[in-house]
């Protein structure tokens, strides 16, 4: 792993751990959407439109996962940050 990849991995891992309220090592639908609102810097209490939530969830979970684990989140986060 390159130094920049290691840095991205640690940052992404930290973000996922903070968002994982249940401590399962995976994000469920509600945790993911709260995280996305924070990453998109929405004002507190404001939510993403339902259509956008669905698009992001499908993209992050590759359309078939029920929860978002670290591997899936890393791939999504790398693309989302661009």
N, C-alpha and C. Protein backbone atom coordinates (compact mmCIF):
# COMPACT_ATOMS: atom_id res chain seq x y z
N UNK A 1 0.84 -1.17 0.00
CA UNK A 1 0.00 0.00 0.00
C UNK A 1 0.90 1.24 0.00
N UNK A 2 0.62 2.18 -0.88
CA UNK A 2 1.36 3.43 -0.95
C UNK A 2 1.03 4.29 0.26
N UNK A 3 1.92 5.22 0.63
CA UNK A 3 1.63 6.09 1.78
C UNK A 3 0.32 6.85 1.65
N UNK A 4 0.00 7.34 0.46
CA UNK A 4 -1.26 8.07 0.28
C UNK A 4 -2.46 7.13 0.44
N UNK A 5 -2.33 5.87 0.02
CA UNK A 5 -3.40 4.90 0.18
C UNK A 5 -3.58 4.55 1.66
N UNK A 6 -2.47 4.45 2.38
CA UNK A 6 -2.53 4.15 3.81
C UNK A 6 -3.25 5.28 4.54
N UNK A 7 -2.94 6.50 4.18
CA UNK A 7 -3.58 7.66 4.80
C UNK A 7 -5.08 7.66 4.53
N UNK A 8 -5.46 7.39 3.29
CA UNK A 8 -6.88 7.34 2.92
C UNK A 8 -7.59 6.22 3.66
N UNK A 9 -6.92 5.06 3.77
CA UNK A 9 -7.50 3.93 4.48
C UNK A 9 -7.77 4.29 5.94
N UNK A 10 -6.79 4.88 6.61
CA UNK A 10 -6.98 5.23 8.02
C UNK A 10 -8.06 6.29 8.20
N UNK A 11 -8.10 7.28 7.33
CA UNK A 11 -9.12 8.32 7.42
C UNK A 11 -10.50 7.72 7.19
N UNK A 12 -10.62 6.87 6.19
CA UNK A 12 -11.90 6.24 5.89
C UNK A 12 -12.35 5.33 7.02
N UNK A 13 -11.42 4.57 7.56
CA UNK A 13 -11.73 3.68 8.69
C UNK A 13 -12.25 4.48 9.87
N UNK A 14 -11.59 5.58 10.15
CA UNK A 14 -11.98 6.44 11.27
C UNK A 14 -13.39 6.99 11.05
N UNK A 15 -13.68 7.42 9.85
CA UNK A 15 -15.00 7.96 9.52
C UNK A 15 -16.07 6.90 9.72
N UNK A 16 -15.80 5.68 9.26
CA UNK A 16 -16.77 4.60 9.40
C UNK A 16 -16.99 4.27 10.88
N UNK A 17 -15.93 4.19 11.66
CA UNK A 17 -16.06 3.87 13.09
C UNK A 17 -16.88 4.93 13.81
N UNK A 18 -16.66 6.19 13.49
CA UNK A 18 -17.43 7.27 14.12
C UNK A 18 -18.92 7.17 13.78
N UNK A 19 -19.22 6.80 12.56
CA UNK A 19 -20.62 6.74 12.11
C UNK A 19 -21.33 5.48 12.59
N UNK A 20 -20.58 4.47 12.97
CA UNK A 20 -21.12 3.18 13.37
C UNK A 20 -21.60 3.23 14.83
N UNK A 21 -22.80 3.74 15.04
CA UNK A 21 -23.35 3.90 16.40
C UNK A 21 -23.56 2.56 17.10
N UNK A 22 -23.82 1.53 16.34
CA UNK A 22 -24.10 0.22 16.93
C UNK A 22 -22.83 -0.57 17.25
N UNK A 23 -21.69 -0.11 16.75
CA UNK A 23 -20.42 -0.78 17.02
C UNK A 23 -20.28 -2.12 16.33
N UNK A 24 -20.93 -2.29 15.19
CA UNK A 24 -20.92 -3.57 14.47
C UNK A 24 -19.82 -3.66 13.42
N UNK A 25 -19.15 -2.55 13.15
CA UNK A 25 -18.15 -2.56 12.08
C UNK A 25 -18.76 -2.42 10.71
N UNK A 26 -20.05 -2.14 10.68
CA UNK A 26 -20.79 -1.95 9.43
C UNK A 26 -21.78 -0.82 9.63
N UNK A 27 -22.13 -0.17 8.54
CA UNK A 27 -23.13 0.88 8.62
C UNK A 27 -24.44 0.37 8.07
N UNK A 28 -25.48 0.64 8.80
CA UNK A 28 -26.83 0.36 8.31
C UNK A 28 -27.31 1.61 7.58
N UNK A 29 -28.44 1.47 6.93
CA UNK A 29 -29.02 2.51 6.09
C UNK A 29 -29.05 3.87 6.79
N UNK A 30 -29.60 3.94 8.00
CA UNK A 30 -29.74 5.22 8.70
C UNK A 30 -28.39 5.82 9.06
N UNK A 31 -27.45 5.00 9.50
CA UNK A 31 -26.12 5.50 9.85
C UNK A 31 -25.40 6.06 8.62
N UNK A 32 -25.55 5.36 7.52
CA UNK A 32 -24.92 5.80 6.28
C UNK A 32 -25.46 7.16 5.84
N UNK A 33 -26.77 7.35 5.92
CA UNK A 33 -27.35 8.62 5.47
C UNK A 33 -26.97 9.77 6.39
N UNK A 34 -26.87 9.50 7.67
CA UNK A 34 -26.40 10.54 8.59
C UNK A 34 -24.95 10.91 8.28
N UNK A 35 -24.14 9.91 7.99
CA UNK A 35 -22.74 10.16 7.62
C UNK A 35 -22.66 10.99 6.34
N UNK A 36 -23.45 10.62 5.34
CA UNK A 36 -23.41 11.36 4.08
C UNK A 36 -23.84 12.81 4.27
N UNK A 37 -24.82 13.05 5.11
CA UNK A 37 -25.24 14.43 5.39
C UNK A 37 -24.08 15.22 5.99
N UNK A 38 -23.33 14.58 6.90
CA UNK A 38 -22.16 15.25 7.50
C UNK A 38 -21.07 15.50 6.47
N UNK A 39 -20.78 14.48 5.65
CA UNK A 39 -19.72 14.62 4.64
C UNK A 39 -20.08 15.68 3.60
N UNK A 40 -21.37 15.82 3.33
CA UNK A 40 -21.82 16.81 2.35
C UNK A 40 -22.06 18.18 3.01
N UNK A 41 -21.78 18.24 4.32
CA UNK A 41 -21.87 19.47 5.10
C UNK A 41 -23.25 20.12 5.05
N UNK A 42 -24.27 19.27 5.17
CA UNK A 42 -25.63 19.79 5.24
C UNK A 42 -25.85 20.41 6.61
N UNK A 43 -26.66 21.43 6.71
CA UNK A 43 -26.97 22.01 8.02
C UNK A 43 -27.60 20.95 8.93
N UNK A 44 -27.34 21.06 10.22
CA UNK A 44 -27.88 20.12 11.19
C UNK A 44 -29.39 20.05 11.05
N UNK A 45 -29.91 18.84 11.00
CA UNK A 45 -31.35 18.63 10.87
C UNK A 45 -31.84 18.52 9.44
N UNK A 46 -31.02 18.94 8.49
CA UNK A 46 -31.42 18.85 7.09
C UNK A 46 -31.03 17.48 6.55
N UNK A 47 -31.89 16.88 5.75
CA UNK A 47 -31.63 15.57 5.17
C UNK A 47 -31.51 15.67 3.66
N UNK A 48 -30.86 14.68 3.11
CA UNK A 48 -30.80 14.57 1.66
C UNK A 48 -32.18 14.17 1.13
N UNK A 49 -32.51 14.56 -0.09
CA UNK A 49 -33.76 14.10 -0.69
C UNK A 49 -33.75 12.56 -0.80
N UNK A 50 -34.92 11.96 -0.69
CA UNK A 50 -35.02 10.50 -0.73
C UNK A 50 -34.37 9.90 -1.98
N UNK A 51 -34.54 10.54 -3.10
CA UNK A 51 -33.95 10.03 -4.35
C UNK A 51 -32.43 9.99 -4.25
N UNK A 52 -31.84 11.03 -3.70
CA UNK A 52 -30.38 11.09 -3.54
C UNK A 52 -29.91 10.04 -2.54
N UNK A 53 -30.66 9.87 -1.44
CA UNK A 53 -30.31 8.85 -0.45
C UNK A 53 -30.25 7.48 -1.12
N UNK A 54 -31.26 7.19 -1.93
CA UNK A 54 -31.33 5.89 -2.60
C UNK A 54 -30.16 5.71 -3.56
N UNK A 55 -29.85 6.75 -4.35
CA UNK A 55 -28.73 6.68 -5.29
C UNK A 55 -27.42 6.41 -4.57
N UNK A 56 -27.18 7.13 -3.48
CA UNK A 56 -25.93 6.96 -2.74
C UNK A 56 -25.85 5.56 -2.12
N UNK A 57 -26.95 5.10 -1.54
CA UNK A 57 -26.96 3.77 -0.90
C UNK A 57 -26.69 2.68 -1.93
N UNK A 58 -27.35 2.76 -3.07
CA UNK A 58 -27.15 1.75 -4.12
C UNK A 58 -25.71 1.78 -4.61
N UNK A 59 -25.17 2.96 -4.78
CA UNK A 59 -23.78 3.09 -5.22
C UNK A 59 -22.82 2.51 -4.18
N UNK A 60 -23.03 2.84 -2.92
CA UNK A 60 -22.14 2.40 -1.86
C UNK A 60 -22.23 0.90 -1.61
N UNK A 61 -23.43 0.35 -1.68
CA UNK A 61 -23.63 -1.07 -1.38
C UNK A 61 -23.56 -1.93 -2.63
N UNK A 62 -23.28 -1.31 -3.74
CA UNK A 62 -23.23 -2.00 -5.03
C UNK A 62 -24.55 -2.66 -5.34
N UNK A 63 -25.63 -2.12 -4.76
CA UNK A 63 -26.98 -2.55 -5.07
C UNK A 63 -27.47 -3.81 -4.40
N UNK A 64 -26.62 -4.50 -3.65
CA UNK A 64 -27.08 -5.78 -3.10
C UNK A 64 -26.79 -5.98 -1.62
N UNK A 65 -25.91 -5.20 -1.04
CA UNK A 65 -25.58 -5.39 0.37
C UNK A 65 -26.64 -4.77 1.26
N UNK A 66 -26.89 -5.40 2.39
CA UNK A 66 -27.86 -4.85 3.34
C UNK A 66 -27.20 -3.89 4.32
N UNK A 67 -25.88 -4.05 4.47
CA UNK A 67 -25.10 -3.17 5.33
C UNK A 67 -23.83 -2.81 4.58
N UNK A 68 -23.20 -1.75 5.03
CA UNK A 68 -21.99 -1.27 4.36
C UNK A 68 -20.79 -1.58 5.25
N UNK A 69 -19.97 -2.55 4.83
CA UNK A 69 -18.78 -2.89 5.62
C UNK A 69 -17.61 -2.00 5.19
N UNK A 70 -16.48 -2.17 5.86
CA UNK A 70 -15.33 -1.31 5.61
C UNK A 70 -14.85 -1.40 4.17
N UNK A 71 -14.75 -2.60 3.63
CA UNK A 71 -14.27 -2.76 2.25
C UNK A 71 -15.15 -2.00 1.25
N UNK A 72 -16.46 -2.18 1.38
CA UNK A 72 -17.38 -1.49 0.47
C UNK A 72 -17.32 0.02 0.69
N UNK A 73 -17.22 0.44 1.95
CA UNK A 73 -17.15 1.86 2.24
C UNK A 73 -15.88 2.48 1.66
N UNK A 74 -14.76 1.79 1.77
CA UNK A 74 -13.50 2.31 1.23
C UNK A 74 -13.60 2.56 -0.27
N UNK A 75 -14.18 1.61 -0.99
CA UNK A 75 -14.35 1.78 -2.43
C UNK A 75 -15.26 2.95 -2.76
N UNK A 76 -16.35 3.04 -2.03
CA UNK A 76 -17.30 4.13 -2.26
C UNK A 76 -16.67 5.47 -1.90
N UNK A 77 -16.04 5.53 -0.75
CA UNK A 77 -15.46 6.81 -0.27
C UNK A 77 -14.38 7.31 -1.20
N UNK A 78 -13.59 6.41 -1.74
CA UNK A 78 -12.54 6.81 -2.69
C UNK A 78 -13.16 7.47 -3.92
N UNK A 79 -14.29 6.95 -4.40
CA UNK A 79 -14.98 7.53 -5.55
C UNK A 79 -15.73 8.79 -5.18
N UNK A 80 -16.36 8.79 -4.01
CA UNK A 80 -17.17 9.92 -3.58
C UNK A 80 -16.32 11.17 -3.38
N UNK A 81 -15.11 11.00 -2.87
CA UNK A 81 -14.24 12.13 -2.57
C UNK A 81 -13.68 12.83 -3.80
N UNK A 82 -13.89 12.24 -4.95
CA UNK A 82 -13.32 12.85 -6.18
C UNK A 82 -14.19 13.92 -6.74
